[in-house]
């Protein structure tokens, strides 16, 4: 999934206007080291990022996406969705710019 010598880029997007707020190139070693530092979750408990687990999730996601027909999609994830993502596709008969977000 992440090939040797490839560059991983952390991207932050402003949800209000879609502007890029941050583009940060990261090597896998940097991402792994950063993830091993415990951080306090919103509920007060300490948690760690496990890169192997998360990369497995990304692999599963990409495996499912590659069987879909070519097109424009929006992939959404938030804390409420837990380990799941929402996938939106253009509304039928639309011009490709209208998405049913309900």
PDB file of N, CA and C in Angstrom:
ATOM      1  N   UNK A   1       0.828  -1.191   0.000  1.00  0.00           N
ATOM      2  CA  UNK A   1       0.000   0.000   0.000  1.00  0.00           C
ATOM      3  C   UNK A   1       0.870   1.252   0.000  1.00  0.00           C
ATOM      4  N   UNK A   2       1.826   1.325   0.901  1.00  0.00           N
ATOM      5  CA  UNK A   2       2.797   2.428   0.862  1.00  0.00           C
ATOM      6  C   UNK A   2       4.111   1.821   0.412  1.00  0.00           C
ATOM      7  N   UNK A   3       4.525   2.178  -0.772  1.00  0.00           N
ATOM      8  CA  UNK A   3       5.718   1.594  -1.361  1.00  0.00           C
ATOM      9  C   UNK A   3       6.979   2.262  -0.817  1.00  0.00           C
ATOM     10  N   UNK A   4       8.079   1.513  -0.753  1.00  0.00           N
ATOM     11  CA  UNK A   4       9.342   2.117  -0.316  1.00  0.00           C
ATOM     12  C   UNK A   4       9.691   3.315  -1.195  1.00  0.00           C
ATOM     13  N   UNK A   5      10.116   4.380  -0.551  1.00  0.00           N
ATOM     14  CA  UNK A   5      10.509   5.583  -1.284  1.00  0.00           C
ATOM     15  C   UNK A   5       9.345   6.504  -1.629  1.00  0.00           C
ATOM     16  N   UNK A   6       8.111   6.095  -1.331  1.00  0.00           N
ATOM     17  CA  UNK A   6       6.968   6.958  -1.632  1.00  0.00           C
ATOM     18  C   UNK A   6       6.834   8.029  -0.551  1.00  0.00           C
ATOM     19  N   UNK A   7       6.064   9.042  -0.846  1.00  0.00           N
ATOM     20  CA  UNK A   7       5.837  10.129   0.099  1.00  0.00           C
ATOM     21  C   UNK A   7       4.390  10.111   0.551  1.00  0.00           C
ATOM     22  N   UNK A   8       4.196  10.143   1.843  1.00  0.00           N
ATOM     23  CA  UNK A   8       2.864  10.253   2.418  1.00  0.00           C
ATOM     24  C   UNK A   8       2.663  11.727   2.758  1.00  0.00           C
ATOM     25  N   UNK A   9       1.501  12.249   2.417  1.00  0.00           N
ATOM     26  CA  UNK A   9       1.230  13.662   2.694  1.00  0.00           C
ATOM     27  C   UNK A   9       0.004  13.772   3.581  1.00  0.00           C
ATOM     28  N   UNK A  10       0.193  14.396   4.735  1.00  0.00           N
ATOM     29  CA  UNK A  10      -0.935  14.686   5.627  1.00  0.00           C
ATOM     30  C   UNK A  10      -1.582  15.960   5.100  1.00  0.00           C
ATOM     31  N   UNK A  11      -2.875  15.894   4.901  1.00  0.00           N
ATOM     32  CA  UNK A  11      -3.615  17.026   4.350  1.00  0.00           C
ATOM     33  C   UNK A  11      -4.745  17.397   5.289  1.00  0.00           C
ATOM     34  N   UNK A  12      -4.882  18.666   5.555  1.00  0.00           N
ATOM     35  CA  UNK A  12      -6.003  19.182   6.346  1.00  0.00           C
ATOM     36  C   UNK A  12      -6.808  20.096   5.425  1.00  0.00           C
ATOM     37  N   UNK A  13      -8.117  19.877   5.400  1.00  0.00           N
ATOM     38  CA  UNK A  13      -9.007  20.653   4.551  1.00  0.00           C
ATOM     39  C   UNK A  13     -10.031  21.356   5.427  1.00  0.00           C
ATOM     40  N   UNK A  14     -10.243  22.647   5.174  1.00  0.00           N
ATOM     41  CA  UNK A  14     -11.253  23.409   5.903  1.00  0.00           C
ATOM     42  C   UNK A  14     -12.627  22.941   5.435  1.00  0.00           C
ATOM     43  N   UNK A  15     -13.445  22.351   6.333  1.00  0.00           N
ATOM     44  CA  UNK A  15     -14.739  21.825   5.906  1.00  0.00           C
ATOM     45  C   UNK A  15     -15.743  22.907   5.484  1.00  0.00           C
ATOM     46  N   UNK A  16     -15.485  24.141   5.884  1.00  0.00           N
ATOM     47  CA  UNK A  16     -16.405  25.223   5.541  1.00  0.00           C
ATOM     48  C   UNK A  16     -16.281  25.648   4.082  1.00  0.00           C
ATOM     49  N   UNK A  17     -15.028  25.655   3.564  1.00  0.00           N
ATOM     50  CA  UNK A  17     -14.847  26.177   2.214  1.00  0.00           C
ATOM     51  C   UNK A  17     -14.020  25.269   1.296  1.00  0.00           C
ATOM     52  N   UNK A  18     -13.505  24.161   1.832  1.00  0.00           N
ATOM     53  CA  UNK A  18     -12.737  23.224   1.007  1.00  0.00           C
ATOM     54  C   UNK A  18     -11.302  23.648   0.753  1.00  0.00           C
ATOM     55  N   UNK A  19     -10.861  24.763   1.339  1.00  0.00           N
ATOM     56  CA  UNK A  19      -9.485  25.215   1.151  1.00  0.00           C
ATOM     57  C   UNK A  19      -8.509  24.302   1.889  1.00  0.00           C
ATOM     58  N   UNK A  20      -7.342  24.087   1.281  1.00  0.00           N
ATOM     59  CA  UNK A  20      -6.290  23.319   1.941  1.00  0.00           C
ATOM     60  C   UNK A  20      -5.650  24.173   3.018  1.00  0.00           C
ATOM     61  N   UNK A  21      -5.588  23.650   4.229  1.00  0.00           N
ATOM     62  CA  UNK A  21      -4.993  24.371   5.352  1.00  0.00           C
ATOM     63  C   UNK A  21      -3.575  23.887   5.616  1.00  0.00           C
ATOM     64  N   UNK A  22      -3.284  22.643   5.248  1.00  0.00           N
ATOM     65  CA  UNK A  22      -1.981  22.061   5.559  1.00  0.00           C
ATOM     66  C   UNK A  22      -1.659  20.969   4.554  1.00  0.00           C
ATOM     67  N   UNK A  23      -0.459  20.988   4.042  1.00  0.00           N
ATOM     68  CA  UNK A  23       0.113  19.890   3.268  1.00  0.00           C
ATOM     69  C   UNK A  23       1.454  19.589   3.920  1.00  0.00           C
ATOM     70  N   UNK A  24       1.569  18.426   4.538  1.00  0.00           N
ATOM     71  CA  UNK A  24       2.765  18.083   5.293  1.00  0.00           C
ATOM     72  C   UNK A  24       3.304  16.727   4.833  1.00  0.00           C
ATOM     73  N   UNK A  25       4.409  16.732   4.067  1.00  0.00           N
ATOM     74  CA  UNK A  25       5.013  15.457   3.670  1.00  0.00           C
ATOM     75  C   UNK A  25       5.542  14.725   4.899  1.00  0.00           C
ATOM     76  N   UNK A  26       5.295  13.424   4.981  1.00  0.00           N
ATOM     77  CA  UNK A  26       5.748  12.611   6.105  1.00  0.00           C
ATOM     78  C   UNK A  26       6.328  11.301   5.593  1.00  0.00           C
ATOM     79  N   UNK A  27       7.426  10.891   6.170  1.00  0.00           N
ATOM     80  CA  UNK A  27       7.928   9.537   5.915  1.00  0.00           C
ATOM     81  C   UNK A  27       7.196   8.602   6.860  1.00  0.00           C
ATOM     82  N   UNK A  28       7.138   7.328   6.496  1.00  0.00           N
ATOM     83  CA  UNK A  28       6.439   6.358   7.333  1.00  0.00           C
ATOM     84  C   UNK A  28       7.041   6.306   8.737  1.00  0.00           C
ATOM     85  N   UNK A  29       8.365   6.435   8.831  1.00  0.00           N
ATOM     86  CA  UNK A  29       9.015   6.416  10.145  1.00  0.00           C
ATOM     87  C   UNK A  29       8.529   7.581  11.013  1.00  0.00           C
ATOM     88  N   UNK A  30       8.359   8.759  10.413  1.00  0.00           N
ATOM     89  CA  UNK A  30       7.872   9.926  11.162  1.00  0.00           C
ATOM     90  C   UNK A  30       6.423   9.713  11.613  1.00  0.00           C
ATOM     91  N   UNK A  31       5.626   9.187  10.716  1.00  0.00           N
ATOM     92  CA  UNK A  31       4.231   8.942  11.032  1.00  0.00           C
ATOM     93  C   UNK A  31       4.095   7.918  12.146  1.00  0.00           C
ATOM     94  N   UNK A  32       4.902   6.880  12.090  1.00  0.00           N
ATOM     95  CA  UNK A  32       4.865   5.829  13.106  1.00  0.00           C
ATOM     96  C   UNK A  32       5.319   6.365  14.462  1.00  0.00           C
ATOM     97  N   UNK A  33       6.436   7.103  14.479  1.00  0.00           N
ATOM     98  CA  UNK A  33       6.949   7.652  15.743  1.00  0.00           C
ATOM     99  C   UNK A  33       5.951   8.618  16.363  1.00  0.00           C
ATOM    100  N   UNK A  34       5.363   9.459  15.540  1.00  0.00           N
ATOM    101  CA  UNK A  34       4.376  10.422  16.034  1.00  0.00           C
ATOM    102  C   UNK A  34       3.161   9.697  16.612  1.00  0.00           C
ATOM    103  N   UNK A  35       2.756   8.644  15.959  1.00  0.00           N
ATOM    104  CA  UNK A  35       1.573   7.910  16.397  1.00  0.00           C
ATOM    105  C   UNK A  35       1.763   7.154  17.687  1.00  0.00           C
ATOM    106  N   UNK A  36       2.990   6.833  18.026  1.00  0.00           N
ATOM    107  CA  UNK A  36       3.239   6.066  19.245  1.00  0.00           C
ATOM    108  C   UNK A  36       3.173   6.912  20.511  1.00  0.00           C
ATOM    109  N   UNK A  37       3.074   8.211  20.361  1.00  0.00           N
ATOM    110  CA  UNK A  37       2.951   9.099  21.514  1.00  0.00           C
ATOM    111  C   UNK A  37       1.482   9.090  21.947  1.00  0.00           C
ATOM    112  N   UNK A  38       1.252   8.784  23.209  1.00  0.00           N
ATOM    113  CA  UNK A  38      -0.125   8.757  23.698  1.00  0.00           C
ATOM    114  C   UNK A  38      -0.711  10.163  23.690  1.00  0.00           C
ATOM    115  N   UNK A  39      -1.983  10.238  23.328  1.00  0.00           N
ATOM    116  CA  UNK A  39      -2.687  11.512  23.311  1.00  0.00           C
ATOM    117  C   UNK A  39      -3.992  11.358  24.059  1.00  0.00           C
ATOM    118  N   UNK A  40      -4.441  12.447  24.665  1.00  0.00           N
ATOM    119  CA  UNK A  40      -5.693  12.383  25.412  1.00  0.00           C
ATOM    120  C   UNK A  40      -6.867  12.536  24.444  1.00  0.00           C
ATOM    121  N   UNK A  41      -7.788  11.601  24.517  1.00  0.00           N
ATOM    122  CA  UNK A  41      -8.995  11.649  23.695  1.00  0.00           C
ATOM    123  C   UNK A  41      -9.981  12.637  24.312  1.00  0.00           C
ATOM    124  N   UNK A  42     -11.036  12.943  23.573  1.00  0.00           N
ATOM    125  CA  UNK A  42     -12.042  13.890  24.062  1.00  0.00           C
ATOM    126  C   UNK A  42     -12.701  13.421  25.346  1.00  0.00           C
ATOM    127  N   UNK A  43     -12.782  12.104  25.537  1.00  0.00           N
ATOM    128  CA  UNK A  43     -13.431  11.581  26.745  1.00  0.00           C
ATOM    129  C   UNK A  43     -12.460  11.451  27.922  1.00  0.00           C
ATOM    130  N   UNK A  44     -11.217  11.929  27.760  1.00  0.00           N
ATOM    131  CA  UNK A  44     -10.250  11.943  28.851  1.00  0.00           C
ATOM    132  C   UNK A  44      -9.345  10.735  28.936  1.00  0.00           C
ATOM    133  N   UNK A  45      -9.618   9.686  28.172  1.00  0.00           N
ATOM    134  CA  UNK A  45      -8.745   8.503  28.228  1.00  0.00           C
ATOM    135  C   UNK A  45      -7.571   8.687  27.277  1.00  0.00           C
ATOM    136  N   UNK A  46      -6.490   7.976  27.565  1.00  0.00           N
ATOM    137  CA  UNK A  46      -5.292   8.048  26.723  1.00  0.00           C
ATOM    138  C   UNK A  46      -5.416   7.034  25.590  1.00  0.00           C
ATOM    139  N   UNK A  47      -4.991   7.438  24.405  1.00  0.00           N
ATOM    140  CA  UNK A  47      -5.053   6.528  23.262  1.00  0.00           C
ATOM    141  C   UNK A  47      -3.810   6.678  22.398  1.00  0.00           C
ATOM    142  N   UNK A  48      -3.517   5.620  21.629  1.00  0.00           N
ATOM    143  CA  UNK A  48      -2.376   5.607  20.723  1.00  0.00           C
ATOM    144  C   UNK A  48      -2.864   5.303  19.312  1.00  0.00           C
ATOM    145  N   UNK A  49      -2.152   5.804  18.357  1.00  0.00           N
ATOM    146  CA  UNK A  49      -2.376   5.498  16.953  1.00  0.00           C
ATOM    147  C   UNK A  49      -1.543   4.268  16.616  1.00  0.00           C
ATOM    148  N   UNK A  50      -2.161   3.259  16.033  1.00  0.00           N
ATOM    149  CA  UNK A  50      -1.452   2.054  15.637  1.00  0.00           C
ATOM    150  C   UNK A  50      -1.361   2.027  14.115  1.00  0.00           C
ATOM    151  N   UNK A  51      -0.211   2.426  13.537  1.00  0.00           N
ATOM    152  CA  UNK A  51      -0.089   2.514  12.072  1.00  0.00           C
ATOM    153  C   UNK A  51      -0.447   1.222  11.341  1.00  0.00           C
ATOM    154  N   UNK A  52      -0.036   0.065  11.840  1.00  0.00           N
ATOM    155  CA  UNK A  52      -0.324  -1.189  11.143  1.00  0.00           C
ATOM    156  C   UNK A  52      -1.833  -1.411  11.051  1.00  0.00           C
ATOM    157  N   UNK A  53      -2.548  -1.120  12.115  1.00  0.00           N
ATOM    158  CA  UNK A  53      -4.004  -1.283  12.127  1.00  0.00           C
ATOM    159  C   UNK A  53      -4.661  -0.320  11.142  1.00  0.00           C
ATOM    160  N   UNK A  54      -4.237   0.936  11.186  1.00  0.00           N
ATOM    161  CA  UNK A  54      -4.837   1.946  10.313  1.00  0.00           C
ATOM    162  C   UNK A  54      -4.502   1.685   8.843  1.00  0.00           C
ATOM    163  N   UNK A  55      -3.286   1.252   8.554  1.00  0.00           N
ATOM    164  CA  UNK A  55      -2.939   0.928   7.168  1.00  0.00           C
ATOM    165  C   UNK A  55      -3.763  -0.252   6.666  1.00  0.00           C
ATOM    166  N   UNK A  56      -4.072  -1.189   7.553  1.00  0.00           N
ATOM    167  CA  UNK A  56      -4.961  -2.293   7.190  1.00  0.00           C
ATOM    168  C   UNK A  56      -6.344  -1.781   6.835  1.00  0.00           C
ATOM    169  N   UNK A  57      -6.840  -0.802   7.587  1.00  0.00           N
ATOM    170  CA  UNK A  57      -8.136  -0.194   7.274  1.00  0.00           C
ATOM    171  C   UNK A  57      -8.118   0.486   5.909  1.00  0.00           C
ATOM    172  N   UNK A  58      -7.034   1.199   5.616  1.00  0.00           N
ATOM    173  CA  UNK A  58      -6.915   1.879   4.322  1.00  0.00           C
ATOM    174  C   UNK A  58      -6.872   0.849   3.197  1.00  0.00           C
ATOM    175  N   UNK A  59      -6.140  -0.240   3.409  1.00  0.00           N
ATOM    176  CA  UNK A  59      -6.074  -1.298   2.401  1.00  0.00           C
ATOM    177  C   UNK A  59      -7.476  -1.854   2.122  1.00  0.00           C
ATOM    178  N   UNK A  60      -8.238  -2.129   3.177  1.00  0.00           N
ATOM    179  CA  UNK A  60      -9.601  -2.635   2.999  1.00  0.00           C
ATOM    180  C   UNK A  60     -10.476  -1.637   2.254  1.00  0.00           C
ATOM    181  N   UNK A  61     -10.342  -0.366   2.585  1.00  0.00           N
ATOM    182  CA  UNK A  61     -11.122   0.674   1.928  1.00  0.00           C
ATOM    183  C   UNK A  61     -10.800   0.736   0.439  1.00  0.00           C
ATOM    184  N   UNK A  62      -9.510   0.773   0.102  1.00  0.00           N
ATOM    185  CA  UNK A  62      -9.101   0.853  -1.303  1.00  0.00           C
ATOM    186  C   UNK A  62      -9.534  -0.398  -2.054  1.00  0.00           C
ATOM    187  N   UNK A  63      -9.465  -1.549  -1.425  1.00  0.00           N
ATOM    188  CA  UNK A  63      -9.909  -2.792  -2.065  1.00  0.00           C
ATOM    189  C   UNK A  63     -11.377  -2.720  -2.449  1.00  0.00           C
ATOM    190  N   UNK A  64     -12.198  -2.120  -1.590  1.00  0.00           N
ATOM    191  CA  UNK A  64     -13.620  -1.979  -1.899  1.00  0.00           C
ATOM    192  C   UNK A  64     -13.872  -0.903  -2.955  1.00  0.00           C
ATOM    193  N   UNK A  65     -13.132   0.211  -2.884  1.00  0.00           N
ATOM    194  CA  UNK A  65     -13.343   1.307  -3.833  1.00  0.00           C
ATOM    195  C   UNK A  65     -12.964   0.915  -5.253  1.00  0.00           C
ATOM    196  N   UNK A  66     -11.962   0.074  -5.406  1.00  0.00           N
ATOM    197  CA  UNK A  66     -11.491  -0.237  -6.760  1.00  0.00           C
ATOM    198  C   UNK A  66     -12.490  -1.077  -7.565  1.00  0.00           C
ATOM    199  N   UNK A  67     -13.501  -1.655  -6.928  1.00  0.00           N
ATOM    200  CA  UNK A  67     -14.500  -2.415  -7.674  1.00  0.00           C
ATOM    201  C   UNK A  67     -15.665  -1.525  -8.133  1.00  0.00           C
ATOM    202  N   UNK A  68     -15.701  -0.279  -7.693  1.00  0.00           N
ATOM    203  CA  UNK A  68     -16.759   0.646  -8.109  1.00  0.00           C
ATOM    204  C   UNK A  68     -16.463   1.179  -9.509  1.00  0.00           C
ATOM    205  N   UNK A  69     -17.509   1.538 -10.247  1.00  0.00           N
ATOM    206  CA  UNK A  69     -17.262   2.137 -11.561  1.00  0.00           C
ATOM    207  C   UNK A  69     -16.547   3.481 -11.414  1.00  0.00           C
ATOM    208  N   UNK A  70     -15.799   3.859 -12.440  1.00  0.00           N
ATOM    209  CA  UNK A  70     -15.103   5.147 -12.425  1.00  0.00           C
ATOM    210  C   UNK A  70     -16.123   6.260 -12.267  1.00  0.00           C
ATOM    211  N   UNK A  71     -15.777   7.266 -11.527  1.00  0.00           N
ATOM    212  CA  UNK A  71     -16.695   8.382 -11.330  1.00  0.00           C
ATOM    213  C   UNK A  71     -16.201   9.300 -10.234  1.00  0.00           C
ATOM    214  N   UNK A  72     -17.059  10.220  -9.865  1.00  0.00           N
ATOM    215  CA  UNK A  72     -16.743  11.173  -8.810  1.00  0.00           C
ATOM    216  C   UNK A  72     -17.477  10.758  -7.546  1.00  0.00           C
ATOM    217  N   UNK A  73     -16.742  10.681  -6.450  1.00  0.00           N
ATOM    218  CA  UNK A  73     -17.310  10.265  -5.174  1.00  0.00           C
ATOM    219  C   UNK A  73     -16.793  11.189  -4.077  1.00  0.00           C
ATOM    220  N   UNK A  74     -17.529  11.253  -2.990  1.00  0.00           N
ATOM    221  CA  UNK A  74     -17.061  11.929  -1.782  1.00  0.00           C
ATOM    222  C   UNK A  74     -16.989  10.866  -0.698  1.00  0.00           C
ATOM    223  N   UNK A  75     -15.852  10.782  -0.045  1.00  0.00           N
ATOM    224  CA  UNK A  75     -15.652   9.851   1.056  1.00  0.00           C
ATOM    225  C   UNK A  75     -15.612  10.674   2.333  1.00  0.00           C
ATOM    226  N   UNK A  76     -16.433  10.306   3.310  1.00  0.00           N
ATOM    227  CA  UNK A  76     -16.546  11.082   4.540  1.00  0.00           C
ATOM    228  C   UNK A  76     -16.344  10.180   5.750  1.00  0.00           C
ATOM    229  N   UNK A  77     -15.655  10.719   6.757  1.00  0.00           N
ATOM    230  CA  UNK A  77     -15.450   9.993   8.007  1.00  0.00           C
ATOM    231  C   UNK A  77     -15.392  11.002   9.134  1.00  0.00           C
ATOM    232  N   UNK A  78     -16.001  10.668  10.256  1.00  0.00           N
ATOM    233  CA  UNK A  78     -15.899  11.510  11.441  1.00  0.00           C
ATOM    234  C   UNK A  78     -15.897  10.611  12.669  1.00  0.00           C
ATOM    235  N   UNK A  79     -15.778  11.195  13.831  1.00  0.00           N
ATOM    236  CA  UNK A  79     -15.711  10.403  15.066  1.00  0.00           C
ATOM    237  C   UNK A  79     -16.961   9.558  15.261  1.00  0.00           C
ATOM    238  N   UNK A  80     -18.113  10.078  14.872  1.00  0.00           N
ATOM    239  CA  UNK A  80     -19.363   9.346  15.062  1.00  0.00           C
ATOM    240  C   UNK A  80     -19.423   8.065  14.238  1.00  0.00           C
ATOM    241  N   UNK A  81     -18.754   8.063  13.088  1.00  0.00           N
ATOM    242  CA  UNK A  81     -18.843   6.892  12.208  1.00  0.00           C
ATOM    243  C   UNK A  81     -17.923   5.758  12.652  1.00  0.00           C
ATOM    244  N   UNK A  82     -17.089   6.012  13.655  1.00  0.00           N
ATOM    245  CA  UNK A  82     -16.222   4.946  14.175  1.00  0.00           C
ATOM    246  C   UNK A  82     -15.350   4.353  13.089  1.00  0.00           C
ATOM    247  N   UNK A  83     -15.356   3.023  12.938  1.00  0.00           N
ATOM    248  CA  UNK A  83     -14.483   2.400  11.941  1.00  0.00           C
ATOM    249  C   UNK A  83     -15.062   2.433  10.527  1.00  0.00           C
ATOM    250  N   UNK A  84     -16.192   3.107  10.335  1.00  0.00           N
ATOM    251  CA  UNK A  84     -16.853   3.111   9.037  1.00  0.00           C
ATOM    252  C   UNK A  84     -16.712   4.458   8.341  1.00  0.00           C
ATOM    253  N   UNK A  85     -16.889   4.451   7.020  1.00  0.00           N
ATOM    254  CA  UNK A  85     -16.872   5.664   6.208  1.00  0.00           C
ATOM    255  C   UNK A  85     -18.200   5.771   5.476  1.00  0.00           C
ATOM    256  N   UNK A  86     -18.512   6.975   5.068  1.00  0.00           N
ATOM    257  CA  UNK A  86     -19.677   7.192   4.217  1.00  0.00           C
ATOM    258  C   UNK A  86     -19.175   7.482   2.814  1.00  0.00           C
ATOM    259  N   UNK A  87     -19.826   6.890   1.819  1.00  0.00           N
ATOM    260  CA  UNK A  87     -19.448   7.112   0.427  1.00  0.00           C
ATOM    261  C   UNK A  87     -20.651   7.714  -0.288  1.00  0.00           C
ATOM    262  N   UNK A  88     -20.446   8.886  -0.859  1.00  0.00           N
ATOM    263  CA  UNK A  88     -21.512   9.562  -1.589  1.00  0.00           C
ATOM    264  C   UNK A  88     -21.165   9.566  -3.065  1.00  0.00           C
ATOM    265  N   UNK A  89     -22.180   9.403  -3.903  1.00  0.00           N
ATOM    266  CA  UNK A  89     -21.979   9.477  -5.345  1.00  0.00           C
ATOM    267  C   UNK A  89     -22.941  10.514  -5.901  1.00  0.00           C
ATOM    268  N   UNK A  90     -22.681  11.017  -7.132  1.00  0.00           N
ATOM    269  CA  UNK A  90     -23.576  12.032  -7.691  1.00  0.00           C
ATOM    270  C   UNK A  90     -25.009  11.520  -7.799  1.00  0.00           C
ATOM    271  N   UNK A  91     -25.960  12.441  -7.692  1.00  0.00           N
ATOM    272  CA  UNK A  91     -27.363  12.063  -7.818  1.00  0.00           C
ATOM    273  C   UNK A  91     -27.641  11.626  -9.249  1.00  0.00           C
ATOM    274  N   UNK A  92     -28.532  10.648  -9.437  1.00  0.00           N
ATOM    275  CA  UNK A  92     -28.857  10.182 -10.791  1.00  0.00           C
ATOM    276  C   UNK A  92     -29.408  11.322 -11.650  1.00  0.00           C
ATOM    277  N   UNK A  93     -28.954  11.380 -12.891  1.00  0.00           N
ATOM    278  CA  UNK A  93     -29.444  12.402 -13.814  1.00  0.00           C
ATOM    279  C   UNK A  93     -28.843  13.771 -13.581  1.00  0.00           C
ATOM    280  N   UNK A  94     -27.972  13.888 -12.592  1.00  0.00           N
ATOM    281  CA  UNK A  94     -27.336  15.177 -12.323  1.00  0.00           C
ATOM    282  C   UNK A  94     -26.175  15.416 -13.264  1.00  0.00           C
ATOM    283  N   UNK A  95     -25.581  16.579 -13.162  1.00  0.00           N
ATOM    284  CA  UNK A  95     -24.451  16.916 -14.029  1.00  0.00           C
ATOM    285  C   UNK A  95     -23.118  16.533 -13.403  1.00  0.00           C
ATOM    286  N   UNK A  96     -23.144  15.779 -12.318  1.00  0.00           N
ATOM    287  CA  UNK A  96     -21.911  15.385 -11.642  1.00  0.00           C
ATOM    288  C   UNK A  96     -21.524  16.325 -10.522  1.00  0.00           C
ATOM    289  N   UNK A  97     -22.237  17.461 -10.403  1.00  0.00           N
ATOM    290  CA  UNK A  97     -21.911  18.427  -9.370  1.00  0.00           C
ATOM    291  C   UNK A  97     -22.870  18.398  -8.193  1.00  0.00           C
ATOM    292  N   UNK A  98     -23.924  17.576  -8.288  1.00  0.00           N
ATOM    293  CA  UNK A  98     -24.909  17.514  -7.204  1.00  0.00           C
ATOM    294  C   UNK A  98     -24.805  16.163  -6.507  1.00  0.00           C
ATOM    295  N   UNK A  99     -24.669  16.197  -5.184  1.00  0.00           N
ATOM    296  CA  UNK A  99     -24.555  14.977  -4.401  1.00  0.00           C
ATOM    297  C   UNK A  99     -25.692  14.893  -3.411  1.00  0.00           C
ATOM    298  N   UNK A 100     -26.233  13.696  -3.240  1.00  0.00           N
ATOM    299  CA  UNK A 100     -27.258  13.480  -2.240  1.00  0.00           C
ATOM    300  C   UNK A 100     -26.543  13.165  -0.931  1.00  0.00           C
ATOM    301  N   UNK A 101     -26.513  14.115  -0.026  1.00  0.00           N
ATOM    302  CA  UNK A 101     -25.758  13.957   1.222  1.00  0.00           C
ATOM    303  C   UNK A 101     -26.638  13.494   2.384  1.00  0.00           C
ATOM    304  N   UNK A 102     -27.783  12.972   2.111  1.00  0.00           N
ATOM    305  CA  UNK A 102     -28.669  12.484   3.165  1.00  0.00           C
ATOM    306  C   UNK A 102     -28.739  10.987   3.154  1.00  0.00           C
TER     307      UNK A 102
END
